[in-house]
């Protein structure tokens, strides 16, 4: 049986993640408050942001930007989108 969470992003009870997405307090918080569906949607948006904005994950500022966007997205706050991006 899946563990259920009250998803902070989607505002309803849904199956939670199977494990924290990364170590530390923020990973644990995401594990406790974000559904599998919301995390999967974030991963899709994250990939689009990295590709369309040409982010270099070796760059500290790029990682900081992406972390801010992740936190905004999971809290159901506005996030950036790539100008002119059209999904396939």
N, C-alpha and C. Protein backbone atom coordinates (compact mmCIF):
# COMPACT_ATOMS: atom_id res chain seq x y z
N UNK A 1 0.84 -1.18 0.00
CA UNK A 1 0.00 0.00 0.00
C UNK A 1 0.88 1.24 0.00
N UNK A 2 0.54 2.20 -0.83
CA UNK A 2 1.30 3.44 -0.92
C UNK A 2 1.08 4.32 0.30
N UNK A 3 2.13 4.99 0.70
CA UNK A 3 2.05 5.97 1.77
C UNK A 3 1.38 7.22 1.21
N UNK A 4 0.40 7.74 1.91
CA UNK A 4 -0.34 8.91 1.43
C UNK A 4 0.18 10.17 2.12
N UNK A 5 0.20 11.28 1.36
CA UNK A 5 0.59 12.58 1.92
C UNK A 5 -0.45 13.62 1.50
N UNK A 6 -0.57 14.64 2.29
CA UNK A 6 -1.39 15.79 1.91
C UNK A 6 -0.46 16.70 1.11
N UNK A 7 -0.54 16.64 -0.20
CA UNK A 7 0.42 17.29 -1.09
C UNK A 7 0.31 18.81 -1.01
N UNK A 8 1.44 19.45 -0.67
CA UNK A 8 1.49 20.91 -0.56
C UNK A 8 1.25 21.57 -1.92
N UNK A 9 1.66 20.94 -2.99
CA UNK A 9 1.51 21.51 -4.33
C UNK A 9 0.08 21.35 -4.87
N UNK A 10 -0.44 20.13 -4.80
CA UNK A 10 -1.72 19.83 -5.44
C UNK A 10 -2.90 19.94 -4.49
N UNK A 11 -2.63 20.19 -3.22
CA UNK A 11 -3.67 20.46 -2.21
C UNK A 11 -4.68 19.32 -2.07
N UNK A 12 -4.19 18.07 -2.15
CA UNK A 12 -5.07 16.93 -1.89
C UNK A 12 -4.21 15.76 -1.45
N UNK A 13 -4.86 14.75 -0.91
CA UNK A 13 -4.16 13.57 -0.44
C UNK A 13 -3.87 12.64 -1.61
N UNK A 14 -2.59 12.34 -1.78
CA UNK A 14 -2.12 11.52 -2.89
C UNK A 14 -0.99 10.60 -2.43
N UNK A 15 -0.65 9.58 -3.21
CA UNK A 15 0.49 8.74 -2.85
C UNK A 15 1.78 9.56 -2.76
N UNK A 16 2.55 9.31 -1.69
CA UNK A 16 3.80 10.03 -1.48
C UNK A 16 4.98 9.36 -2.16
N UNK A 17 6.11 10.01 -2.07
CA UNK A 17 7.35 9.47 -2.63
C UNK A 17 7.75 8.23 -1.84
N UNK A 18 8.50 7.34 -2.48
CA UNK A 18 8.96 6.13 -1.81
C UNK A 18 10.15 6.40 -0.90
N UNK A 19 10.91 7.44 -1.20
CA UNK A 19 12.07 7.82 -0.41
C UNK A 19 12.31 9.31 -0.60
N UNK A 20 13.07 9.90 0.31
CA UNK A 20 13.43 11.32 0.17
C UNK A 20 14.21 11.50 -1.13
N UNK A 21 13.94 12.57 -1.90
CA UNK A 21 14.60 12.74 -3.20
C UNK A 21 16.09 13.08 -3.08
N UNK A 22 16.51 13.56 -1.92
CA UNK A 22 17.92 13.83 -1.65
C UNK A 22 18.10 13.92 -0.14
N UNK A 23 19.33 13.80 0.36
CA UNK A 23 19.56 13.80 1.81
C UNK A 23 19.36 15.19 2.42
N UNK A 24 19.20 15.21 3.72
CA UNK A 24 19.11 16.46 4.46
C UNK A 24 17.69 16.84 4.82
N UNK A 25 17.56 17.93 5.57
CA UNK A 25 16.25 18.36 6.04
C UNK A 25 15.27 18.71 4.92
N UNK A 26 15.74 19.36 3.86
CA UNK A 26 14.84 19.74 2.77
C UNK A 26 14.35 18.49 2.04
N UNK A 27 15.20 17.52 1.84
CA UNK A 27 14.77 16.27 1.22
C UNK A 27 13.73 15.56 2.06
N UNK A 28 13.90 15.58 3.38
CA UNK A 28 12.93 14.96 4.28
C UNK A 28 11.61 15.71 4.25
N UNK A 29 11.67 17.04 4.21
CA UNK A 29 10.44 17.85 4.13
C UNK A 29 9.67 17.54 2.85
N UNK A 30 10.37 17.44 1.73
CA UNK A 30 9.73 17.10 0.46
C UNK A 30 9.11 15.71 0.56
N UNK A 31 9.82 14.76 1.14
CA UNK A 31 9.32 13.40 1.32
C UNK A 31 7.99 13.40 2.09
N UNK A 32 7.89 14.26 3.08
CA UNK A 32 6.72 14.29 3.96
C UNK A 32 5.55 15.09 3.39
N UNK A 33 5.79 16.00 2.44
CA UNK A 33 4.73 16.93 2.02
C UNK A 33 4.45 16.98 0.52
N UNK A 34 5.16 16.19 -0.28
CA UNK A 34 4.99 16.26 -1.74
C UNK A 34 4.61 14.88 -2.28
N UNK A 35 3.62 14.86 -3.16
CA UNK A 35 3.17 13.60 -3.76
C UNK A 35 4.08 13.18 -4.90
N UNK A 36 3.95 11.90 -5.26
CA UNK A 36 4.69 11.38 -6.42
C UNK A 36 4.33 12.18 -7.67
N UNK A 37 3.06 12.49 -7.84
CA UNK A 37 2.60 13.22 -9.02
C UNK A 37 3.25 14.60 -9.11
N UNK A 38 3.24 15.34 -8.00
CA UNK A 38 3.83 16.68 -8.00
C UNK A 38 5.33 16.62 -8.24
N UNK A 39 6.01 15.62 -7.67
CA UNK A 39 7.45 15.49 -7.87
C UNK A 39 7.76 15.16 -9.32
N UNK A 40 6.97 14.30 -9.92
CA UNK A 40 7.18 13.96 -11.33
C UNK A 40 6.95 15.19 -12.22
N UNK A 41 5.92 15.99 -11.91
CA UNK A 41 5.68 17.22 -12.67
C UNK A 41 6.85 18.18 -12.51
N UNK A 42 7.40 18.27 -11.28
CA UNK A 42 8.56 19.14 -11.05
C UNK A 42 9.75 18.66 -11.89
N UNK A 43 9.99 17.36 -11.93
CA UNK A 43 11.13 16.85 -12.69
C UNK A 43 11.01 17.19 -14.17
N UNK A 44 9.81 17.17 -14.70
CA UNK A 44 9.59 17.56 -16.10
C UNK A 44 9.90 19.04 -16.29
N UNK A 45 9.40 19.88 -15.37
CA UNK A 45 9.68 21.31 -15.46
C UNK A 45 11.17 21.59 -15.26
N UNK A 46 11.79 20.89 -14.33
CA UNK A 46 13.22 21.06 -14.08
C UNK A 46 14.03 20.77 -15.33
N UNK A 47 13.71 19.69 -16.02
CA UNK A 47 14.41 19.33 -17.25
C UNK A 47 14.24 20.42 -18.30
N UNK A 48 13.03 20.94 -18.43
CA UNK A 48 12.78 22.01 -19.40
C UNK A 48 13.60 23.25 -19.04
N UNK A 49 13.62 23.63 -17.76
CA UNK A 49 14.38 24.81 -17.35
C UNK A 49 15.87 24.63 -17.62
N UNK A 50 16.41 23.47 -17.28
CA UNK A 50 17.83 23.21 -17.51
C UNK A 50 18.16 23.31 -19.00
N UNK A 51 17.34 22.68 -19.83
CA UNK A 51 17.61 22.65 -21.27
C UNK A 51 17.38 24.00 -21.94
N UNK A 52 16.23 24.60 -21.70
CA UNK A 52 15.86 25.82 -22.42
C UNK A 52 16.61 27.05 -21.93
N UNK A 53 17.00 27.06 -20.67
CA UNK A 53 17.75 28.20 -20.13
C UNK A 53 19.25 27.93 -20.11
N UNK A 54 19.65 26.78 -20.67
CA UNK A 54 21.06 26.40 -20.78
C UNK A 54 21.78 26.49 -19.44
N UNK A 55 21.16 25.90 -18.42
CA UNK A 55 21.75 25.93 -17.09
C UNK A 55 22.90 24.93 -17.00
N UNK A 56 23.96 25.33 -16.34
CA UNK A 56 25.11 24.47 -16.10
C UNK A 56 25.05 24.05 -14.63
N UNK A 57 24.79 22.78 -14.37
CA UNK A 57 24.62 22.32 -13.01
C UNK A 57 25.92 22.29 -12.22
N UNK A 58 27.03 22.57 -12.88
CA UNK A 58 28.31 22.72 -12.18
C UNK A 58 28.44 24.14 -11.61
N UNK A 59 27.61 25.04 -12.09
CA UNK A 59 27.64 26.44 -11.68
C UNK A 59 26.76 26.64 -10.44
N UNK A 60 27.34 27.23 -9.39
CA UNK A 60 26.62 27.43 -8.13
C UNK A 60 25.37 28.28 -8.31
N UNK A 61 25.42 29.32 -9.12
CA UNK A 61 24.27 30.19 -9.34
C UNK A 61 23.13 29.45 -10.06
N UNK A 62 23.49 28.58 -11.01
CA UNK A 62 22.47 27.78 -11.70
C UNK A 62 21.77 26.85 -10.73
N UNK A 63 22.55 26.21 -9.85
CA UNK A 63 21.94 25.31 -8.86
C UNK A 63 21.07 26.09 -7.89
N UNK A 64 21.51 27.27 -7.48
CA UNK A 64 20.72 28.10 -6.57
C UNK A 64 19.39 28.49 -7.24
N UNK A 65 19.46 28.90 -8.49
CA UNK A 65 18.26 29.27 -9.26
C UNK A 65 17.29 28.10 -9.33
N UNK A 66 17.80 26.92 -9.68
CA UNK A 66 16.94 25.75 -9.82
C UNK A 66 16.32 25.35 -8.48
N UNK A 67 17.08 25.45 -7.40
CA UNK A 67 16.53 25.15 -6.07
C UNK A 67 15.42 26.13 -5.71
N UNK A 68 15.59 27.41 -6.03
CA UNK A 68 14.55 28.41 -5.78
C UNK A 68 13.29 28.09 -6.59
N UNK A 69 13.48 27.72 -7.85
CA UNK A 69 12.34 27.38 -8.70
C UNK A 69 11.63 26.13 -8.17
N UNK A 70 12.40 25.15 -7.71
CA UNK A 70 11.81 23.93 -7.14
C UNK A 70 10.98 24.28 -5.91
N UNK A 71 11.53 25.06 -5.01
CA UNK A 71 10.81 25.41 -3.79
C UNK A 71 9.54 26.19 -4.11
N UNK A 72 9.61 27.12 -5.06
CA UNK A 72 8.42 27.86 -5.47
C UNK A 72 7.38 26.93 -6.08
N UNK A 73 7.82 26.05 -6.96
CA UNK A 73 6.88 25.13 -7.63
C UNK A 73 6.18 24.24 -6.61
N UNK A 74 6.93 23.65 -5.71
CA UNK A 74 6.34 22.72 -4.74
C UNK A 74 5.44 23.43 -3.73
N UNK A 75 5.65 24.73 -3.54
CA UNK A 75 4.80 25.52 -2.65
C UNK A 75 3.63 26.15 -3.41
N UNK A 76 3.47 25.78 -4.67
CA UNK A 76 2.39 26.29 -5.53
C UNK A 76 2.50 27.80 -5.74
N UNK A 77 3.73 28.29 -5.81
CA UNK A 77 4.00 29.70 -6.12
C UNK A 77 4.40 29.80 -7.59
N UNK A 78 4.37 31.00 -8.18
CA UNK A 78 4.76 31.16 -9.59
C UNK A 78 6.22 30.75 -9.82
N UNK A 79 6.45 30.15 -10.98
CA UNK A 79 7.80 29.74 -11.39
C UNK A 79 8.08 30.24 -12.79
N UNK A 80 9.35 30.27 -13.16
CA UNK A 80 9.75 30.68 -14.50
C UNK A 80 9.42 29.60 -15.51
N UNK A 81 9.25 30.02 -16.73
CA UNK A 81 9.09 29.13 -17.87
C UNK A 81 9.96 29.68 -18.97
N UNK A 82 10.40 28.85 -19.87
CA UNK A 82 11.24 29.30 -20.97
C UNK A 82 10.39 30.02 -22.00
N UNK A 83 10.81 31.20 -22.42
CA UNK A 83 10.10 31.96 -23.44
C UNK A 83 10.08 31.17 -24.74
N UNK A 84 8.92 31.04 -25.33
CA UNK A 84 8.80 30.40 -26.62
C UNK A 84 8.83 28.88 -26.57
N UNK A 85 8.90 28.29 -25.39
CA UNK A 85 8.95 26.82 -25.29
C UNK A 85 7.61 26.22 -25.67
N UNK A 86 7.65 25.24 -26.56
CA UNK A 86 6.43 24.53 -26.98
C UNK A 86 6.70 23.04 -26.76
N UNK A 87 5.98 22.41 -25.81
CA UNK A 87 6.21 20.98 -25.58
C UNK A 87 5.79 20.15 -26.79
N UNK A 88 6.44 19.03 -26.98
CA UNK A 88 6.12 18.14 -28.10
C UNK A 88 4.86 17.37 -27.83
